[in-house]
């Protein structure tokens, strides 16, 4: 009888450990997905700004719920013309979600 209780204790401890590991893996997958989507949205905006050129690009804020298909993300684009030198613009795109953010920065010429 004691052997059975010890075996059940060992088995239940192992199962609890596996359960916690499964939850940690699922949380990690969610963080990776959110970061991947945010990076994709930032890269999409950087490419759009590059297509416009440094002279036509402007700073924008796309609030939560305004990006089609991705309502849980907010995208802020900051364009600093003539930084670091004349003819170049520094473009910084930051994408936010409920538990983090991703930032991409590039230089765009005319």
PDB file of N, CA and C in Angstrom:
ATOM      1  N   UNK A   1       0.813  -1.185   0.000  1.00  0.00           N
ATOM      2  CA  UNK A   1       0.000   0.000   0.000  1.00  0.00           C
ATOM      3  C   UNK A   1       0.866   1.262   0.000  1.00  0.00           C
ATOM      4  N   UNK A   2       1.934   1.266   0.788  1.00  0.00           N
ATOM      5  CA  UNK A   2       2.833   2.412   0.839  1.00  0.00           C
ATOM      6  C   UNK A   2       3.534   2.586  -0.499  1.00  0.00           C
ATOM      7  N   UNK A   3       3.903   1.441  -1.134  1.00  0.00           N
ATOM      8  CA  UNK A   3       4.550   1.526  -2.440  1.00  0.00           C
ATOM      9  C   UNK A   3       3.618   2.178  -3.456  1.00  0.00           C
ATOM     10  N   UNK A   4       2.359   1.870  -3.371  1.00  0.00           N
ATOM     11  CA  UNK A   4       1.371   2.446  -4.283  1.00  0.00           C
ATOM     12  C   UNK A   4       1.262   3.957  -4.060  1.00  0.00           C
ATOM     13  N   UNK A   5       1.242   4.395  -2.821  1.00  0.00           N
ATOM     14  CA  UNK A   5       1.183   5.822  -2.519  1.00  0.00           C
ATOM     15  C   UNK A   5       2.432   6.554  -3.012  1.00  0.00           C
ATOM     16  N   UNK A   6       3.592   5.957  -2.822  1.00  0.00           N
ATOM     17  CA  UNK A   6       4.837   6.564  -3.294  1.00  0.00           C
ATOM     18  C   UNK A   6       4.837   6.636  -4.818  1.00  0.00           C
ATOM     19  N   UNK A   7       4.395   5.597  -5.473  1.00  0.00           N
ATOM     20  CA  UNK A   7       4.333   5.586  -6.941  1.00  0.00           C
ATOM     21  C   UNK A   7       3.370   6.660  -7.448  1.00  0.00           C
ATOM     22  N   UNK A   8       2.220   6.804  -6.795  1.00  0.00           N
ATOM     23  CA  UNK A   8       1.263   7.834  -7.204  1.00  0.00           C
ATOM     24  C   UNK A   8       1.836   9.231  -6.972  1.00  0.00           C
ATOM     25  N   UNK A   9       2.582   9.425  -5.904  1.00  0.00           N
ATOM     26  CA  UNK A   9       3.213  10.714  -5.626  1.00  0.00           C
ATOM     27  C   UNK A   9       4.236  11.050  -6.711  1.00  0.00           C
ATOM     28  N   UNK A  10       5.054  10.080  -7.066  1.00  0.00           N
ATOM     29  CA  UNK A  10       6.055  10.293  -8.113  1.00  0.00           C
ATOM     30  C   UNK A  10       5.371  10.571  -9.449  1.00  0.00           C
ATOM     31  N   UNK A  11       4.353   9.810  -9.782  1.00  0.00           N
ATOM     32  CA  UNK A  11       3.623   9.996 -11.034  1.00  0.00           C
ATOM     33  C   UNK A  11       2.934  11.363 -11.089  1.00  0.00           C
ATOM     34  N   UNK A  12       2.299  11.758 -10.010  1.00  0.00           N
ATOM     35  CA  UNK A  12       1.597  13.051 -10.002  1.00  0.00           C
ATOM     36  C   UNK A  12       2.593  14.211 -10.085  1.00  0.00           C
ATOM     37  N   UNK A  13       3.739  14.086  -9.441  1.00  0.00           N
ATOM     38  CA  UNK A  13       4.770  15.127  -9.539  1.00  0.00           C
ATOM     39  C   UNK A  13       5.259  15.261 -10.977  1.00  0.00           C
ATOM     40  N   UNK A  14       5.487  14.156 -11.634  1.00  0.00           N
ATOM     41  CA  UNK A  14       5.916  14.176 -13.037  1.00  0.00           C
ATOM     42  C   UNK A  14       4.867  14.781 -13.952  1.00  0.00           C
ATOM     43  N   UNK A  15       3.609  14.422 -13.738  1.00  0.00           N
ATOM     44  CA  UNK A  15       2.533  14.962 -14.570  1.00  0.00           C
ATOM     45  C   UNK A  15       2.357  16.463 -14.363  1.00  0.00           C
ATOM     46  N   UNK A  16       2.510  16.923 -13.121  1.00  0.00           N
ATOM     47  CA  UNK A  16       2.428  18.362 -12.861  1.00  0.00           C
ATOM     48  C   UNK A  16       3.566  19.110 -13.556  1.00  0.00           C
ATOM     49  N   UNK A  17       4.745  18.521 -13.548  1.00  0.00           N
ATOM     50  CA  UNK A  17       5.883  19.126 -14.236  1.00  0.00           C
ATOM     51  C   UNK A  17       5.650  19.201 -15.736  1.00  0.00           C
ATOM     52  N   UNK A  18       5.119  18.150 -16.318  1.00  0.00           N
ATOM     53  CA  UNK A  18       4.816  18.144 -17.753  1.00  0.00           C
ATOM     54  C   UNK A  18       3.733  19.171 -18.071  1.00  0.00           C
ATOM     55  N   UNK A  19       2.743  19.297 -17.194  1.00  0.00           N
ATOM     56  CA  UNK A  19       1.681  20.301 -17.399  1.00  0.00           C
ATOM     57  C   UNK A  19       2.240  21.713 -17.396  1.00  0.00           C
ATOM     58  N   UNK A  20       3.129  22.014 -16.461  1.00  0.00           N
ATOM     59  CA  UNK A  20       3.738  23.349 -16.395  1.00  0.00           C
ATOM     60  C   UNK A  20       4.613  23.608 -17.612  1.00  0.00           C
ATOM     61  N   UNK A  21       5.329  22.592 -18.051  1.00  0.00           N
ATOM     62  CA  UNK A  21       6.162  22.724 -19.247  1.00  0.00           C
ATOM     63  C   UNK A  21       5.302  23.012 -20.470  1.00  0.00           C
ATOM     64  N   UNK A  22       4.180  22.352 -20.582  1.00  0.00           N
ATOM     65  CA  UNK A  22       3.266  22.577 -21.709  1.00  0.00           C
ATOM     66  C   UNK A  22       2.753  24.015 -21.710  1.00  0.00           C
ATOM     67  N   UNK A  23       2.392  24.529 -20.554  1.00  0.00           N
ATOM     68  CA  UNK A  23       1.912  25.913 -20.446  1.00  0.00           C
ATOM     69  C   UNK A  23       3.022  26.890 -20.830  1.00  0.00           C
ATOM     70  N   UNK A  24       4.249  26.640 -20.376  1.00  0.00           N
ATOM     71  CA  UNK A  24       5.376  27.516 -20.707  1.00  0.00           C
ATOM     72  C   UNK A  24       5.639  27.520 -22.217  1.00  0.00           C
ATOM     73  N   UNK A  25       5.547  26.368 -22.854  1.00  0.00           N
ATOM     74  CA  UNK A  25       5.746  26.283 -24.305  1.00  0.00           C
ATOM     75  C   UNK A  25       4.650  27.051 -25.039  1.00  0.00           C
ATOM     76  N   UNK A  26       3.421  26.930 -24.595  1.00  0.00           N
ATOM     77  CA  UNK A  26       2.314  27.651 -25.234  1.00  0.00           C
ATOM     78  C   UNK A  26       2.488  29.160 -25.081  1.00  0.00           C
ATOM     79  N   UNK A  27       2.913  29.621 -23.915  1.00  0.00           N
ATOM     80  CA  UNK A  27       3.154  31.051 -23.703  1.00  0.00           C
ATOM     81  C   UNK A  27       4.301  31.540 -24.579  1.00  0.00           C
ATOM     82  N   UNK A  28       5.347  30.748 -24.705  1.00  0.00           N
ATOM     83  CA  UNK A  28       6.465  31.106 -25.575  1.00  0.00           C
ATOM     84  C   UNK A  28       6.046  31.198 -27.031  1.00  0.00           C
ATOM     85  N   UNK A  29       5.204  30.277 -27.473  1.00  0.00           N
ATOM     86  CA  UNK A  29       4.696  30.322 -28.843  1.00  0.00           C
ATOM     87  C   UNK A  29       3.872  31.579 -29.085  1.00  0.00           C
ATOM     88  N   UNK A  30       3.072  31.985 -28.128  1.00  0.00           N
ATOM     89  CA  UNK A  30       2.266  33.195 -28.265  1.00  0.00           C
ATOM     90  C   UNK A  30       3.151  34.433 -28.342  1.00  0.00           C
ATOM     91  N   UNK A  31       4.180  34.498 -27.484  1.00  0.00           N
ATOM     92  CA  UNK A  31       5.112  35.627 -27.544  1.00  0.00           C
ATOM     93  C   UNK A  31       5.814  35.683 -28.899  1.00  0.00           C
ATOM     94  N   UNK A  32       6.234  34.540 -29.396  1.00  0.00           N
ATOM     95  CA  UNK A  32       6.902  34.490 -30.700  1.00  0.00           C
ATOM     96  C   UNK A  32       5.966  34.923 -31.817  1.00  0.00           C
ATOM     97  N   UNK A  33       4.726  34.495 -31.758  1.00  0.00           N
ATOM     98  CA  UNK A  33       3.750  34.882 -32.775  1.00  0.00           C
ATOM     99  C   UNK A  33       3.528  36.389 -32.752  1.00  0.00           C
ATOM    100  N   UNK A  34       3.316  36.954 -31.568  1.00  0.00           N
ATOM    101  CA  UNK A  34       3.094  38.400 -31.451  1.00  0.00           C
ATOM    102  C   UNK A  34       4.293  39.188 -31.975  1.00  0.00           C
ATOM    103  N   UNK A  35       5.488  38.748 -31.618  1.00  0.00           N
ATOM    104  CA  UNK A  35       6.681  39.455 -32.073  1.00  0.00           C
ATOM    105  C   UNK A  35       6.847  39.313 -33.588  1.00  0.00           C
ATOM    106  N   UNK A  36       6.547  38.150 -34.131  1.00  0.00           N
ATOM    107  CA  UNK A  36       6.635  37.948 -35.574  1.00  0.00           C
ATOM    108  C   UNK A  36       5.655  38.822 -36.339  1.00  0.00           C
ATOM    109  N   UNK A  37       4.419  38.906 -35.872  1.00  0.00           N
ATOM    110  CA  UNK A  37       3.416  39.760 -36.518  1.00  0.00           C
ATOM    111  C   UNK A  37       3.830  41.223 -36.426  1.00  0.00           C
ATOM    112  N   UNK A  38       4.310  41.644 -35.258  1.00  0.00           N
ATOM    113  CA  UNK A  38       4.734  43.037 -35.085  1.00  0.00           C
ATOM    114  C   UNK A  38       5.900  43.371 -36.018  1.00  0.00           C
ATOM    115  N   UNK A  39       6.845  42.469 -36.150  1.00  0.00           N
ATOM    116  CA  UNK A  39       7.971  42.689 -37.052  1.00  0.00           C
ATOM    117  C   UNK A  39       7.497  42.763 -38.497  1.00  0.00           C
ATOM    118  N   UNK A  40       6.570  41.909 -38.873  1.00  0.00           N
ATOM    119  CA  UNK A  40       6.007  41.931 -40.220  1.00  0.00           C
ATOM    120  C   UNK A  40       5.304  43.267 -40.496  1.00  0.00           C
ATOM    121  N   UNK A  41       4.511  43.749 -39.537  1.00  0.00           N
ATOM    122  CA  UNK A  41       3.818  45.023 -39.702  1.00  0.00           C
ATOM    123  C   UNK A  41       4.810  46.189 -39.787  1.00  0.00           C
ATOM    124  N   UNK A  42       5.862  46.146 -39.003  1.00  0.00           N
ATOM    125  CA  UNK A  42       6.877  47.200 -39.046  1.00  0.00           C
ATOM    126  C   UNK A  42       7.605  47.173 -40.385  1.00  0.00           C
ATOM    127  N   UNK A  43       7.976  45.993 -40.850  1.00  0.00           N
ATOM    128  CA  UNK A  43       8.671  45.874 -42.129  1.00  0.00           C
ATOM    129  C   UNK A  43       7.782  46.339 -43.278  1.00  0.00           C
ATOM    130  N   UNK A  44       6.498  46.039 -43.199  1.00  0.00           N
ATOM    131  CA  UNK A  44       5.550  46.482 -44.224  1.00  0.00           C
ATOM    132  C   UNK A  44       5.515  48.004 -44.307  1.00  0.00           C
ATOM    133  N   UNK A  45       5.495  48.655 -43.159  1.00  0.00           N
ATOM    134  CA  UNK A  45       5.474  50.124 -43.137  1.00  0.00           C
ATOM    135  C   UNK A  45       6.798  50.711 -43.616  1.00  0.00           C
ATOM    136  N   UNK A  46       7.917  50.104 -43.251  1.00  0.00           N
ATOM    137  CA  UNK A  46       9.224  50.573 -43.716  1.00  0.00           C
ATOM    138  C   UNK A  46       9.284  50.505 -45.238  1.00  0.00           C
ATOM    139  N   UNK A  47       8.808  49.421 -45.819  1.00  0.00           N
ATOM    140  CA  UNK A  47       8.805  49.279 -47.277  1.00  0.00           C
ATOM    141  C   UNK A  47       7.900  50.315 -47.935  1.00  0.00           C
ATOM    142  N   UNK A  48       6.773  50.611 -47.304  1.00  0.00           N
ATOM    143  CA  UNK A  48       5.871  51.638 -47.850  1.00  0.00           C
ATOM    144  C   UNK A  48       6.542  53.013 -47.826  1.00  0.00           C
ATOM    145  N   UNK A  49       7.252  53.311 -46.749  1.00  0.00           N
ATOM    146  CA  UNK A  49       7.950  54.595 -46.647  1.00  0.00           C
ATOM    147  C   UNK A  49       9.072  54.656 -47.682  1.00  0.00           C
ATOM    148  N   UNK A  50       9.798  53.580 -47.870  1.00  0.00           N
ATOM    149  CA  UNK A  50      10.851  53.541 -48.883  1.00  0.00           C
ATOM    150  C   UNK A  50      10.270  53.793 -50.272  1.00  0.00           C
ATOM    151  N   UNK A  51       9.083  53.243 -50.528  1.00  0.00           N
ATOM    152  CA  UNK A  51       8.424  53.463 -51.811  1.00  0.00           C
ATOM    153  C   UNK A  51       8.044  54.914 -52.037  1.00  0.00           C
ATOM    154  N   UNK A  52       7.689  55.621 -50.969  1.00  0.00           N
ATOM    155  CA  UNK A  52       7.344  57.041 -51.076  1.00  0.00           C
ATOM    156  C   UNK A  52       8.577  57.917 -51.251  1.00  0.00           C
ATOM    157  N   UNK A  53       9.683  57.496 -50.675  1.00  0.00           N
ATOM    158  CA  UNK A  53      10.896  58.304 -50.694  1.00  0.00           C
ATOM    159  C   UNK A  53      10.944  59.216 -49.491  1.00  0.00           C
ATOM    160  N   UNK A  54      12.131  59.689 -49.201  1.00  0.00           N
ATOM    161  CA  UNK A  54      12.342  60.496 -47.993  1.00  0.00           C
ATOM    162  C   UNK A  54      11.565  61.798 -48.025  1.00  0.00           C
ATOM    163  N   UNK A  55      11.379  62.383 -49.187  1.00  0.00           N
ATOM    164  CA  UNK A  55      10.710  63.674 -49.264  1.00  0.00           C
ATOM    165  C   UNK A  55       9.215  63.624 -49.042  1.00  0.00           C
ATOM    166  N   UNK A  56       8.574  62.487 -49.342  1.00  0.00           N
ATOM    167  CA  UNK A  56       7.118  62.386 -49.246  1.00  0.00           C
ATOM    168  C   UNK A  56       6.630  61.690 -47.984  1.00  0.00           C
ATOM    169  N   UNK A  57       7.507  61.019 -47.273  1.00  0.00           N
ATOM    170  CA  UNK A  57       7.096  60.252 -46.095  1.00  0.00           C
ATOM    171  C   UNK A  57       6.778  61.174 -44.928  1.00  0.00           C
ATOM    172  N   UNK A  58       5.762  60.805 -44.160  1.00  0.00           N
ATOM    173  CA  UNK A  58       5.367  61.582 -42.987  1.00  0.00           C
ATOM    174  C   UNK A  58       5.210  60.662 -41.783  1.00  0.00           C
ATOM    175  N   UNK A  59       5.293  61.245 -40.600  1.00  0.00           N
ATOM    176  CA  UNK A  59       5.058  60.491 -39.373  1.00  0.00           C
ATOM    177  C   UNK A  59       3.577  60.186 -39.239  1.00  0.00           C
ATOM    178  N   UNK A  60       3.254  58.981 -38.790  1.00  0.00           N
ATOM    179  CA  UNK A  60       1.854  58.566 -38.637  1.00  0.00           C
ATOM    180  C   UNK A  60       1.696  57.715 -37.382  1.00  0.00           C
ATOM    181  N   UNK A  61       0.458  57.645 -36.906  1.00  0.00           N
ATOM    182  CA  UNK A  61       0.092  56.735 -35.824  1.00  0.00           C
ATOM    183  C   UNK A  61      -1.158  55.989 -36.256  1.00  0.00           C
ATOM    184  N   UNK A  62      -1.077  54.678 -36.254  1.00  0.00           N
ATOM    185  CA  UNK A  62      -2.231  53.827 -36.548  1.00  0.00           C
ATOM    186  C   UNK A  62      -2.627  53.154 -35.245  1.00  0.00           C
ATOM    187  N   UNK A  63      -3.726  53.596 -34.666  1.00  0.00           N
ATOM    188  CA  UNK A  63      -4.156  53.103 -33.363  1.00  0.00           C
ATOM    189  C   UNK A  63      -4.640  51.664 -33.422  1.00  0.00           C
ATOM    190  N   UNK A  64      -4.840  51.096 -32.223  1.00  0.00           N
ATOM    191  CA  UNK A  64      -5.392  49.751 -32.109  1.00  0.00           C
ATOM    192  C   UNK A  64      -6.736  49.697 -32.841  1.00  0.00           C
ATOM    193  N   UNK A  65      -6.942  48.640 -33.599  1.00  0.00           N
ATOM    194  CA  UNK A  65      -8.201  48.463 -34.316  1.00  0.00           C
ATOM    195  C   UNK A  65      -8.232  49.097 -35.689  1.00  0.00           C
ATOM    196  N   UNK A  66      -7.176  49.806 -36.086  1.00  0.00           N
ATOM    197  CA  UNK A  66      -7.187  50.469 -37.392  1.00  0.00           C
ATOM    198  C   UNK A  66      -6.358  49.738 -38.445  1.00  0.00           C
ATOM    199  N   UNK A  67      -5.540  48.768 -38.049  1.00  0.00           N
ATOM    200  CA  UNK A  67      -4.760  47.996 -39.021  1.00  0.00           C
ATOM    201  C   UNK A  67      -5.605  46.786 -39.430  1.00  0.00           C
ATOM    202  N   UNK A  68      -5.987  46.688 -40.708  1.00  0.00           N
ATOM    203  CA  UNK A  68      -6.832  45.573 -41.145  1.00  0.00           C
ATOM    204  C   UNK A  68      -6.216  44.221 -40.793  1.00  0.00           C
ATOM    205  N   UNK A  69      -7.019  43.322 -40.293  1.00  0.00           N
ATOM    206  CA  UNK A  69      -6.691  41.940 -39.936  1.00  0.00           C
ATOM    207  C   UNK A  69      -5.881  41.838 -38.633  1.00  0.00           C
ATOM    208  N   UNK A  70      -5.309  42.933 -38.154  1.00  0.00           N
ATOM    209  CA  UNK A  70      -4.493  42.917 -36.939  1.00  0.00           C
ATOM    210  C   UNK A  70      -4.974  43.979 -35.953  1.00  0.00           C
ATOM    211  N   UNK A  71      -6.167  43.822 -35.378  1.00  0.00           N
ATOM    212  CA  UNK A  71      -6.733  44.860 -34.506  1.00  0.00           C
ATOM    213  C   UNK A  71      -6.012  45.008 -33.162  1.00  0.00           C
ATOM    214  N   UNK A  72      -5.189  44.046 -32.779  1.00  0.00           N
ATOM    215  CA  UNK A  72      -4.531  44.095 -31.473  1.00  0.00           C
ATOM    216  C   UNK A  72      -3.155  44.760 -31.518  1.00  0.00           C
ATOM    217  N   UNK A  73      -2.865  45.435 -32.616  1.00  0.00           N
ATOM    218  CA  UNK A  73      -1.559  46.061 -32.788  1.00  0.00           C
ATOM    219  C   UNK A  73      -1.715  47.543 -33.099  1.00  0.00           C
ATOM    220  N   UNK A  74      -0.758  48.326 -32.613  1.00  0.00           N
ATOM    221  CA  UNK A  74      -0.696  49.772 -32.872  1.00  0.00           C
ATOM    222  C   UNK A  74       0.653  50.049 -33.529  1.00  0.00           C
ATOM    223  N   UNK A  75       0.642  50.828 -34.623  1.00  0.00           N
ATOM    224  CA  UNK A  75       1.880  51.102 -35.359  1.00  0.00           C
ATOM    225  C   UNK A  75       2.143  52.599 -35.389  1.00  0.00           C
ATOM    226  N   UNK A  76       3.335  52.996 -34.959  1.00  0.00           N
ATOM    227  CA  UNK A  76       3.734  54.399 -34.935  1.00  0.00           C
ATOM    228  C   UNK A  76       4.960  54.550 -35.831  1.00  0.00           C
ATOM    229  N   UNK A  77       4.851  55.450 -36.805  1.00  0.00           N
ATOM    230  CA  UNK A  77       5.952  55.714 -37.725  1.00  0.00           C
ATOM    231  C   UNK A  77       6.464  57.121 -37.471  1.00  0.00           C
ATOM    232  N   UNK A  78       7.761  57.228 -37.220  1.00  0.00           N
ATOM    233  CA  UNK A  78       8.386  58.535 -37.014  1.00  0.00           C
ATOM    234  C   UNK A  78       9.395  58.756 -38.137  1.00  0.00           C
ATOM    235  N   UNK A  79       9.192  59.839 -38.885  1.00  0.00           N
ATOM    236  CA  UNK A  79      10.109  60.199 -39.960  1.00  0.00           C
ATOM    237  C   UNK A  79      10.830  61.476 -39.553  1.00  0.00           C
ATOM    238  N   UNK A  80      12.157  61.409 -39.489  1.00  0.00           N
ATOM    239  CA  UNK A  80      12.966  62.583 -39.155  1.00  0.00           C
ATOM    240  C   UNK A  80      13.759  62.983 -40.400  1.00  0.00           C
ATOM    241  N   UNK A  81      13.257  63.992 -41.132  1.00  0.00           N
ATOM    242  CA  UNK A  81      13.927  64.395 -42.369  1.00  0.00           C
ATOM    243  C   UNK A  81      15.291  65.028 -42.108  1.00  0.00           C
ATOM    244  N   UNK A  82      16.181  64.810 -43.069  1.00  0.00           N
ATOM    245  CA  UNK A  82      17.533  65.370 -43.034  1.00  0.00           C
ATOM    246  C   UNK A  82      18.334  64.965 -41.799  1.00  0.00           C
ATOM    247  N   UNK A  83      18.042  63.784 -41.268  1.00  0.00           N
ATOM    248  CA  UNK A  83      18.812  63.219 -40.160  1.00  0.00           C
ATOM    249  C   UNK A  83      19.299  61.856 -40.631  1.00  0.00           C
ATOM    250  N   UNK A  84      20.540  61.562 -40.670  1.00  0.00           N
ATOM    251  CA  UNK A  84      21.686  62.228 -40.083  1.00  0.00           C
ATOM    252  C   UNK A  84      22.308  63.308 -40.980  1.00  0.00           C
ATOM    253  N   UNK A  85      21.872  63.393 -42.249  1.00  0.00           N
ATOM    254  CA  UNK A  85      22.421  64.438 -43.123  1.00  0.00           C
ATOM    255  C   UNK A  85      21.379  64.811 -44.171  1.00  0.00           C
ATOM    256  N   UNK A  86      21.600  65.890 -44.854  1.00  0.00           N
ATOM    257  CA  UNK A  86      20.665  66.376 -45.861  1.00  0.00           C
ATOM    258  C   UNK A  86      20.470  65.316 -46.944  1.00  0.00           C
ATOM    259  N   UNK A  87      19.218  65.105 -47.308  1.00  0.00           N
ATOM    260  CA  UNK A  87      18.881  64.124 -48.332  1.00  0.00           C
ATOM    261  C   UNK A  87      18.542  62.753 -47.787  1.00  0.00           C
ATOM    262  N   UNK A  88      18.768  62.525 -46.523  1.00  0.00           N
ATOM    263  CA  UNK A  88      18.422  61.261 -45.878  1.00  0.00           C
ATOM    264  C   UNK A  88      17.389  61.515 -44.787  1.00  0.00           C
ATOM    265  N   UNK A  89      16.539  60.541 -44.565  1.00  0.00           N
ATOM    266  CA  UNK A  89      15.588  60.604 -43.454  1.00  0.00           C
ATOM    267  C   UNK A  89      15.749  59.354 -42.608  1.00  0.00           C
ATOM    268  N   UNK A  90      15.693  59.532 -41.307  1.00  0.00           N
ATOM    269  CA  UNK A  90      15.678  58.388 -40.400  1.00  0.00           C
ATOM    270  C   UNK A  90      14.225  58.011 -40.154  1.00  0.00           C
ATOM    271  N   UNK A  91      13.898  56.770 -40.428  1.00  0.00           N
ATOM    272  CA  UNK A  91      12.528  56.271 -40.244  1.00  0.00           C
ATOM    273  C   UNK A  91      12.547  55.223 -39.138  1.00  0.00           C
ATOM    274  N   UNK A  92      11.719  55.452 -38.122  1.00  0.00           N
ATOM    275  CA  UNK A  92      11.576  54.512 -37.014  1.00  0.00           C
ATOM    276  C   UNK A  92      10.126  54.064 -36.950  1.00  0.00           C
ATOM    277  N   UNK A  93       9.914  52.758 -37.035  1.00  0.00           N
ATOM    278  CA  UNK A  93       8.565  52.195 -36.945  1.00  0.00           C
ATOM    279  C   UNK A  93       8.504  51.339 -35.688  1.00  0.00           C
ATOM    280  N   UNK A  94       7.567  51.667 -34.803  1.00  0.00           N
ATOM    281  CA  UNK A  94       7.370  50.915 -33.569  1.00  0.00           C
ATOM    282  C   UNK A  94       5.973  50.314 -33.601  1.00  0.00           C
ATOM    283  N   UNK A  95       5.897  49.013 -33.377  1.00  0.00           N
ATOM    284  CA  UNK A  95       4.609  48.316 -33.333  1.00  0.00           C
ATOM    285  C   UNK A  95       4.407  47.809 -31.909  1.00  0.00           C
ATOM    286  N   UNK A  96       3.264  48.167 -31.338  1.00  0.00           N
ATOM    287  CA  UNK A  96       2.927  47.787 -29.961  1.00  0.00           C
ATOM    288  C   UNK A  96       1.820  46.741 -29.959  1.00  0.00           C
ATOM    289  N   UNK A  97       1.857  45.863 -28.973  1.00  0.00           N
ATOM    290  CA  UNK A  97       0.743  44.983 -28.675  1.00  0.00           C
ATOM    291  C   UNK A  97       0.609  44.928 -27.166  1.00  0.00           C
ATOM    292  N   UNK A  98      -0.341  44.175 -26.659  1.00  0.00           N
ATOM    293  CA  UNK A  98      -0.674  44.246 -25.229  1.00  0.00           C
ATOM    294  C   UNK A  98       0.486  43.967 -24.285  1.00  0.00           C
ATOM    295  N   UNK A  99       1.490  43.220 -24.688  1.00  0.00           N
ATOM    296  CA  UNK A  99       2.571  42.888 -23.756  1.00  0.00           C
ATOM    297  C   UNK A  99       3.964  43.161 -24.312  1.00  0.00           C
ATOM    298  N   UNK A 100       4.068  44.014 -25.310  1.00  0.00           N
ATOM    299  CA  UNK A 100       5.399  44.274 -25.833  1.00  0.00           C
ATOM    300  C   UNK A 100       5.403  45.214 -27.017  1.00  0.00           C
ATOM    301  N   UNK A 101       6.568  45.310 -27.633  1.00  0.00           N
ATOM    302  CA  UNK A 101       6.714  46.147 -28.815  1.00  0.00           C
ATOM    303  C   UNK A 101       7.901  45.664 -29.632  1.00  0.00           C
ATOM    304  N   UNK A 102       7.909  46.056 -30.894  1.00  0.00           N
ATOM    305  CA  UNK A 102       9.016  45.774 -31.793  1.00  0.00           C
ATOM    306  C   UNK A 102       9.350  47.066 -32.523  1.00  0.00           C
ATOM    307  N   UNK A 103      10.644  47.328 -32.717  1.00  0.00           N
ATOM    308  CA  UNK A 103      11.091  48.568 -33.335  1.00  0.00           C
ATOM    309  C   UNK A 103      12.013  48.245 -34.511  1.00  0.00           C
ATOM    310  N   UNK A 104      11.755  48.894 -35.654  1.00  0.00           N
ATOM    311  CA  UNK A 104      12.648  48.821 -36.794  1.00  0.00           C
ATOM    312  C   UNK A 104      13.053  50.247 -37.158  1.00  0.00           C
ATOM    313  N   UNK A 105      14.312  50.430 -37.501  1.00  0.00           N
ATOM    314  CA  UNK A 105      14.798  51.757 -37.881  1.00  0.00           C
ATOM    315  C   UNK A 105      15.641  51.627 -39.140  1.00  0.00           C
ATOM    316  N   UNK A 106      15.482  52.576 -40.067  1.00  0.00           N
ATOM    317  CA  UNK A 106      16.240  52.561 -41.308  1.00  0.00           C
ATOM    318  C   UNK A 106      16.472  53.973 -41.810  1.00  0.00           C
ATOM    319  N   UNK A 107      17.341  54.099 -42.776  1.00  0.00           N
ATOM    320  CA  UNK A 107      17.569  55.363 -43.457  1.00  0.00           C
ATOM    321  C   UNK A 107      16.956  55.289 -44.845  1.00  0.00           C
ATOM    322  N   UNK A 108      16.315  56.369 -45.256  1.00  0.00           N
ATOM    323  CA  UNK A 108      15.693  56.425 -46.572  1.00  0.00           C
ATOM    324  C   UNK A 108      16.236  57.648 -47.294  1.00  0.00           C
ATOM    325  N   UNK A 109      16.679  57.445 -48.533  1.00  0.00           N
ATOM    326  CA  UNK A 109      17.167  58.552 -49.345  1.00  0.00           C
ATOM    327  C   UNK A 109      16.099  59.034 -50.305  1.00  0.00           C
ATOM    328  N   UNK A 110      16.387  60.138 -50.957  1.00  0.00           N
ATOM    329  CA  UNK A 110      15.419  60.705 -51.913  1.00  0.00           C
ATOM    330  C   UNK A 110      15.392  59.936 -53.191  1.00  0.00           C
TER     331      UNK A 110
END
